[in-house]
Amino acid sequence: MRALVFSLSIGIGALGATSGVLAQHDGEPVSPLAARAAYSRFAGIYKLITTEGRGYLAYDPAGYVSETIQGADQPSLAGLSGYAAHFGTFAVNDAASAITHQIFGALQPRFSATDQMRRFTMSGNRLTLRPPAAANGSESSLIWERVPDLPNLTATHRQLIGFWKLVSTERRNTRGELVRAYPGWTGFIVYAASGHMMVHMMEPYRRRYAGDAPTPEEARATTQSYTSYFGTYTITGAGSLVHHFEGSINRGSVGTDTQRFFEVSGSTLILRPPLIKTPEGDVIMTNVWERLTE
């Protein structure tokens, strides 16, 4: 197959449905079917199997990508060390055996709005990626293994499965009064047919580091302006599910569970955690997501 590259408009606000992702073929647009065929070869969720850490990588047939990795190293600089996360779209160049992650948002601000190319090989359910040195500090390959789907997917699973983009997030008190809004926040949440999930939520206007490495203050600002965790999910009832944390920017939450109440209406997903206790009283957080994929 000949090279496929995206014409990318950086910014989550530009995202729409599948038709919002444009592919080019030798400078000319290719058909959506041809582009989707290229993406579909990679579609699925993969588990990291080559390092002393854990992580998941998800590709979607419409051309979206989500990646989260938590290393085994002890955290430093306010917990930034050892965790990597980004979300965006991807492009495939078969002639060069290369796949490019076109990053909308990343935990480390310097990777947001950049393209990260990786050489790939595929063998059965295994995908080997060699990222650039700047991405992980080494030239070592990362080997990912595709995770099979759950054997008995329910209608509720099928409602949730896919990539969703963040539309809005807010907190209200029990009287319905707005306590705090989060304008401009962007992100993805992914529910996979394998029973795995990943989330990214990012504040706008994040500053890049002044030097090559962040100061403690810069690292704290980075982790406070980006939410990410990954793991599995279990549907526990009508409109209720549980996220099981396998990895998180907040290492203290690893190994814990958190409940979410959800509503799906057409292409909209609403997620709410249980009531949050604050000094000012109980608040309800509402995150609204819009489906990116069919």
Protein backbone atom coordinates (compact mmCIF):
# COMPACT_ATOMS: atom_id res chain seq x y z
CA MET A 1 0.00 0.00 0.00
CA ARG A 2 1.29 3.44 -0.83
CA ALA A 3 1.88 6.15 1.75
CA LEU A 4 -1.00 7.75 3.58
CA VAL A 5 -0.59 11.00 5.44
CA PHE A 6 -3.04 13.31 7.18
CA SER A 7 -3.63 16.94 6.61
CA LEU A 8 -3.86 17.83 10.28
CA SER A 9 -5.54 20.83 11.85
CA ILE A 10 -4.29 20.90 15.43
CA GLY A 11 -6.97 21.47 18.03
CA ILE A 12 -9.66 19.27 19.45
CA GLY A 13 -12.32 21.74 18.45
CA ALA A 14 -11.69 20.82 14.83
CA LEU A 15 -12.60 17.18 15.45
CA GLY A 16 -15.82 15.83 14.11
CA ALA A 17 -16.94 12.44 12.97
CA THR A 18 -14.93 10.23 10.61
CA SER A 19 -15.35 12.70 7.75
CA GLY A 20 -13.45 15.29 9.79
CA VAL A 21 -10.20 13.34 9.38
CA LEU A 22 -8.62 13.96 5.99
CA ALA A 23 -6.14 11.66 4.29
CA GLN A 24 -3.90 12.43 1.35
CA HIS A 25 -2.27 10.11 -1.16
CA ASP A 26 0.73 11.59 -3.01
CA GLY A 27 -0.78 15.03 -2.40
CA GLU A 28 -4.23 14.02 -3.62
CA PRO A 29 -7.19 13.12 -1.39
CA VAL A 30 -7.89 9.42 -1.11
CA SER A 31 -11.30 7.89 -0.64
CA PRO A 32 -12.57 7.44 2.92
CA LEU A 33 -12.77 3.68 2.26
CA ALA A 34 -9.08 3.49 1.31
CA ALA A 35 -8.06 5.51 4.35
CA ARG A 36 -10.24 3.43 6.66
CA ALA A 37 -8.73 0.21 5.30
CA ALA A 38 -5.27 1.43 6.27
CA TYR A 39 -6.38 2.41 9.76
CA SER A 40 -8.36 -0.79 10.29
CA ARG A 41 -5.21 -2.92 10.09
CA PHE A 42 -4.11 -1.32 13.35
CA ALA A 43 -7.52 -0.96 14.98
CA GLY A 44 -7.84 -2.37 18.47
CA ILE A 45 -6.31 -2.01 21.90
CA TYR A 46 -2.81 -3.24 22.66
CA LYS A 47 -1.10 -4.05 25.96
CA LEU A 48 2.54 -3.14 26.52
CA ILE A 49 4.57 -6.32 27.08
CA THR A 50 8.23 -5.26 26.87
CA THR A 51 9.06 -3.02 29.83
CA GLU A 52 8.90 -3.08 33.59
CA GLY A 53 5.80 -0.98 33.45
CA ARG A 54 2.33 -1.16 32.03
CA GLY A 55 0.40 0.65 29.38
CA TYR A 56 -2.22 0.54 26.65
CA LEU A 57 -2.30 1.79 23.08
CA ALA A 58 -5.58 2.13 21.18
CA TYR A 59 -6.09 2.71 17.46
CA ASP A 60 -9.49 3.31 15.88
CA PRO A 61 -10.61 2.49 12.31
CA ALA A 62 -11.44 6.19 11.84
CA GLY A 63 -7.82 7.18 12.48
CA TYR A 64 -7.72 8.14 16.16
CA VAL A 65 -5.07 7.10 18.69
CA SER A 66 -4.70 7.05 22.47
CA GLU A 67 -1.59 5.96 24.39
CA THR A 68 -0.86 5.71 28.11
CA ILE A 69 2.23 4.22 29.77
CA GLN A 70 3.25 4.03 33.42
CA GLY A 71 6.83 2.99 34.09
CA ALA A 72 8.03 1.10 37.12
CA ASP A 73 10.39 3.90 38.15
CA GLN A 74 9.52 5.78 41.29
CA PRO A 75 7.97 9.17 40.56
CA SER A 76 9.89 12.40 40.93
CA LEU A 77 9.17 16.07 40.33
CA ALA A 78 5.59 15.94 41.59
CA GLY A 79 4.91 12.55 39.98
CA LEU A 80 5.68 13.49 36.37
CA SER A 81 8.46 10.95 35.93
CA GLY A 82 7.41 7.51 34.77
CA TYR A 83 4.10 8.40 33.15
CA ALA A 84 3.46 9.24 29.49
CA ALA A 85 0.14 9.97 27.80
CA HIS A 86 -1.08 11.46 24.54
CA PHE A 87 -4.10 11.47 22.23
CA GLY A 88 -4.75 12.48 18.62
CA THR A 89 -4.84 10.89 15.18
CA PHE A 90 -2.44 8.63 13.31
CA ALA A 91 -1.19 8.14 9.75
CA VAL A 92 0.36 5.09 8.10
CA ASN A 93 3.22 5.03 5.58
CA ASP A 94 3.59 1.41 4.48
CA ALA A 95 6.42 2.12 2.08
CA ALA A 96 8.55 3.34 5.00
CA SER A 97 7.02 0.95 7.56
CA ALA A 98 6.20 4.04 9.60
CA ILE A 99 3.27 5.18 11.64
CA THR A 100 2.94 8.78 12.79
CA HIS A 101 1.02 9.88 15.86
CA GLN A 102 -0.33 13.37 15.21
CA ILE A 103 -0.71 14.56 18.77
CA PHE A 104 -3.52 16.90 19.83
CA GLY A 105 -2.63 16.73 23.51
CA ALA A 106 0.07 15.16 25.69
CA LEU A 107 1.01 15.08 29.34
CA GLN A 108 4.34 16.71 28.52
CA PRO A 109 3.43 20.06 26.91
CA ARG A 110 6.31 19.94 24.41
CA PHE A 111 4.68 17.00 22.62
CA SER A 112 1.28 18.68 22.15
CA ALA A 113 0.64 19.75 18.55
CA THR A 114 3.55 17.68 17.21
CA ASP A 115 3.96 14.66 14.94
CA GLN A 116 5.80 11.64 16.37
CA MET A 117 6.93 9.06 13.80
CA ARG A 118 7.62 5.45 14.75
CA ARG A 119 8.84 2.54 12.65
CA PHE A 120 6.58 -0.50 12.92
CA THR A 121 6.46 -4.20 12.28
CA MET A 122 3.37 -6.37 12.69
CA SER A 123 3.40 -10.11 13.33
CA GLY A 124 0.14 -11.75 14.27
CA ASN A 125 -1.23 -9.91 17.30
CA ARG A 126 2.09 -8.21 18.03
CA LEU A 127 2.95 -4.67 17.02
CA THR A 128 6.52 -3.47 17.48
CA LEU A 129 7.15 0.27 17.50
CA ARG A 130 10.50 2.03 17.62
CA PRO A 131 9.80 5.54 18.88
CA PRO A 132 12.19 8.43 18.37
CA ALA A 133 14.66 8.98 21.16
CA ALA A 134 12.89 12.19 22.19
CA ALA A 135 9.71 10.27 22.95
CA ASN A 136 11.01 7.97 25.66
CA GLY A 137 14.68 8.71 26.17
CA SER A 138 15.97 5.65 24.32
CA GLU A 139 15.97 3.92 20.97
CA SER A 140 14.60 0.65 22.37
CA SER A 141 11.58 -0.90 20.73
CA LEU A 142 8.23 -1.15 22.44
CA ILE A 143 6.28 -4.35 21.79
CA TRP A 144 2.51 -4.27 22.10
CA GLU A 145 0.11 -7.21 21.96
CA ARG A 146 -3.47 -6.84 20.73
CA VAL A 147 -6.01 -7.70 23.41
CA PRO A 148 -9.01 -9.84 22.34
CA ASP A 149 -12.58 -8.64 22.70
CA LEU A 150 -14.73 -9.78 25.59
CA PRO A 151 -16.57 -13.00 24.65
CA ASN A 152 -20.08 -11.74 25.46
CA LEU A 153 -20.54 -8.07 24.62
CA THR A 154 -23.86 -6.69 25.83
CA ALA A 155 -25.95 -3.96 24.26
CA THR A 156 -24.65 -1.60 26.96
CA HIS A 157 -21.05 -2.42 26.04
CA ARG A 158 -21.83 -1.58 22.42
CA GLN A 159 -23.26 1.77 23.49
CA LEU A 160 -19.99 2.68 25.18
CA ILE A 161 -17.35 1.17 22.88
CA GLY A 162 -15.40 3.72 20.87
CA PHE A 163 -13.47 6.97 21.07
CA TRP A 164 -15.19 10.02 22.57
CA LYS A 165 -13.99 13.63 22.70
CA LEU A 166 -14.55 15.92 25.66
CA VAL A 167 -17.19 18.60 25.08
CA SER A 168 -17.55 20.12 28.55
CA THR A 169 -16.85 19.54 32.22
CA GLU A 170 -18.33 21.36 35.18
CA ARG A 171 -19.20 21.16 38.86
CA ARG A 172 -22.60 22.08 40.32
CA ASN A 173 -23.95 21.95 43.85
CA THR A 174 -26.97 19.90 44.83
CA ARG A 175 -29.22 22.90 44.06
CA GLY A 176 -28.01 22.84 40.46
CA GLU A 177 -25.97 26.04 40.79
CA LEU A 178 -22.72 26.23 38.86
CA VAL A 179 -19.73 26.01 41.20
CA ARG A 180 -16.93 25.75 38.67
CA ALA A 181 -16.65 25.44 34.90
CA TYR A 182 -13.60 24.27 32.98
CA PRO A 183 -13.74 26.18 29.67
CA GLY A 184 -11.43 25.01 26.93
CA TRP A 185 -10.61 21.62 28.42
CA THR A 186 -10.11 18.92 25.78
CA GLY A 187 -9.49 15.19 25.76
CA PHE A 188 -10.47 11.67 24.78
CA ILE A 189 -12.03 8.79 26.63
CA VAL A 190 -11.80 5.31 25.11
CA TYR A 191 -13.94 2.30 25.94
CA ALA A 192 -12.68 -0.83 24.18
CA ALA A 193 -14.47 -4.05 23.29
CA SER A 194 -11.78 -5.85 25.31
CA GLY A 195 -13.10 -4.27 28.52
CA HIS A 196 -10.26 -1.76 28.77
CA MET A 197 -10.52 2.02 29.05
CA MET A 198 -8.28 5.10 28.88
CA VAL A 199 -8.91 8.76 29.61
CA HIS A 200 -7.21 12.08 28.83
CA MET A 201 -8.42 15.49 30.01
CA MET A 202 -6.24 18.55 29.33
CA GLU A 203 -6.41 22.19 30.33
CA PRO A 204 -5.86 24.78 27.55
CA TYR A 205 -2.86 27.12 27.25
CA ARG A 206 -0.35 24.87 29.00
CA ARG A 207 3.17 26.28 29.04
CA ARG A 208 6.16 24.40 27.71
CA TYR A 209 9.19 24.08 29.94
CA ALA A 210 11.78 26.83 29.91
CA GLY A 211 14.59 24.25 29.82
CA ASP A 212 15.06 20.65 28.72
CA ALA A 213 13.76 19.31 32.05
CA PRO A 214 10.93 20.77 34.13
CA THR A 215 11.49 22.55 37.40
CA PRO A 216 9.47 21.23 40.35
CA GLU A 217 7.00 24.09 39.83
CA GLU A 218 6.67 23.31 36.10
CA ALA A 219 6.17 19.60 36.83
CA ARG A 220 3.42 20.35 39.34
CA ALA A 221 1.69 22.64 36.83
CA THR A 222 1.91 19.87 34.23
CA THR A 223 0.27 17.21 36.38
CA GLN A 224 -2.36 19.63 37.70
CA SER A 225 -3.42 20.57 34.16
CA TYR A 226 -3.72 17.03 32.73
CA THR A 227 -5.79 14.09 33.95
CA SER A 228 -5.02 10.62 32.69
CA TYR A 229 -5.52 7.05 33.84
CA PHE A 230 -6.11 3.64 32.29
CA GLY A 231 -7.31 0.18 33.20
CA THR A 232 -10.45 -1.89 32.79
CA TYR A 233 -14.13 -1.18 33.26
CA THR A 234 -17.08 -3.20 34.50
CA ILE A 235 -20.73 -2.41 33.82
CA THR A 236 -22.45 -2.78 37.18
CA GLY A 237 -26.05 -1.93 36.36
CA ALA A 238 -28.33 0.27 34.31
CA GLY A 239 -26.43 3.53 33.91
CA SER A 240 -23.60 2.52 36.23
CA LEU A 241 -20.05 1.30 35.68
CA VAL A 242 -16.75 1.05 37.53
CA HIS A 243 -13.29 2.09 36.31
CA HIS A 244 -10.49 -0.14 37.66
CA PHE A 245 -7.21 1.83 37.78
CA GLU A 246 -4.13 0.02 36.47
CA GLY A 247 -2.15 3.19 35.88
CA SER A 248 -2.60 6.87 36.64
CA ILE A 249 -0.77 10.19 36.83
CA ASN A 250 -1.86 10.02 40.48
CA ARG A 251 0.00 6.89 41.57
CA GLY A 252 -1.99 6.79 44.78
CA SER A 253 -5.08 5.79 42.81
CA VAL A 254 -3.43 2.79 41.11
CA GLY A 255 -5.19 -0.40 42.17
CA THR A 256 -8.36 1.41 43.20
CA ASP A 257 -11.85 1.50 41.67
CA THR A 258 -14.07 4.46 40.98
CA GLN A 259 -17.75 4.50 40.10
CA ARG A 260 -19.29 6.43 37.23
CA PHE A 261 -22.95 7.00 36.41
CA PHE A 262 -23.56 7.35 32.69
CA GLU A 263 -26.17 8.28 30.12
CA VAL A 264 -25.88 7.68 26.38
CA SER A 265 -28.14 9.62 24.04
CA GLY A 266 -27.32 9.40 20.36
CA SER A 267 -23.73 10.57 19.98
CA THR A 268 -23.52 12.05 23.50
CA LEU A 269 -22.12 10.35 26.59
CA ILE A 270 -22.58 11.94 30.03
CA LEU A 271 -20.41 10.67 32.89
CA ARG A 272 -20.80 11.62 36.54
CA PRO A 273 -18.85 10.37 39.56
CA PRO A 274 -20.53 10.08 42.97
CA LEU A 275 -21.04 13.26 44.99
CA ILE A 276 -17.81 15.04 45.84
CA LYS A 277 -17.44 16.38 49.38
CA THR A 278 -15.96 19.89 49.57
CA PRO A 279 -15.69 22.49 52.37
CA GLU A 280 -18.42 24.44 50.56
CA GLY A 281 -20.75 21.43 50.39
CA ASP A 282 -21.49 18.50 48.10
CA VAL A 283 -20.88 19.00 44.38
CA ILE A 284 -21.72 16.96 41.30
CA MET A 285 -19.19 16.79 38.46
CA THR A 286 -20.54 16.28 34.95
CA ASN A 287 -18.36 15.40 31.95
CA VAL A 288 -20.00 15.49 28.52
CA TRP A 289 -18.38 13.56 25.67
CA GLU A 290 -19.21 13.33 21.97
CA ARG A 291 -18.71 10.17 19.95
CA LEU A 292 -15.88 10.32 17.42
CA THR A 293 -16.40 6.87 15.97
CA GLU A 294 -19.29 4.78 14.78
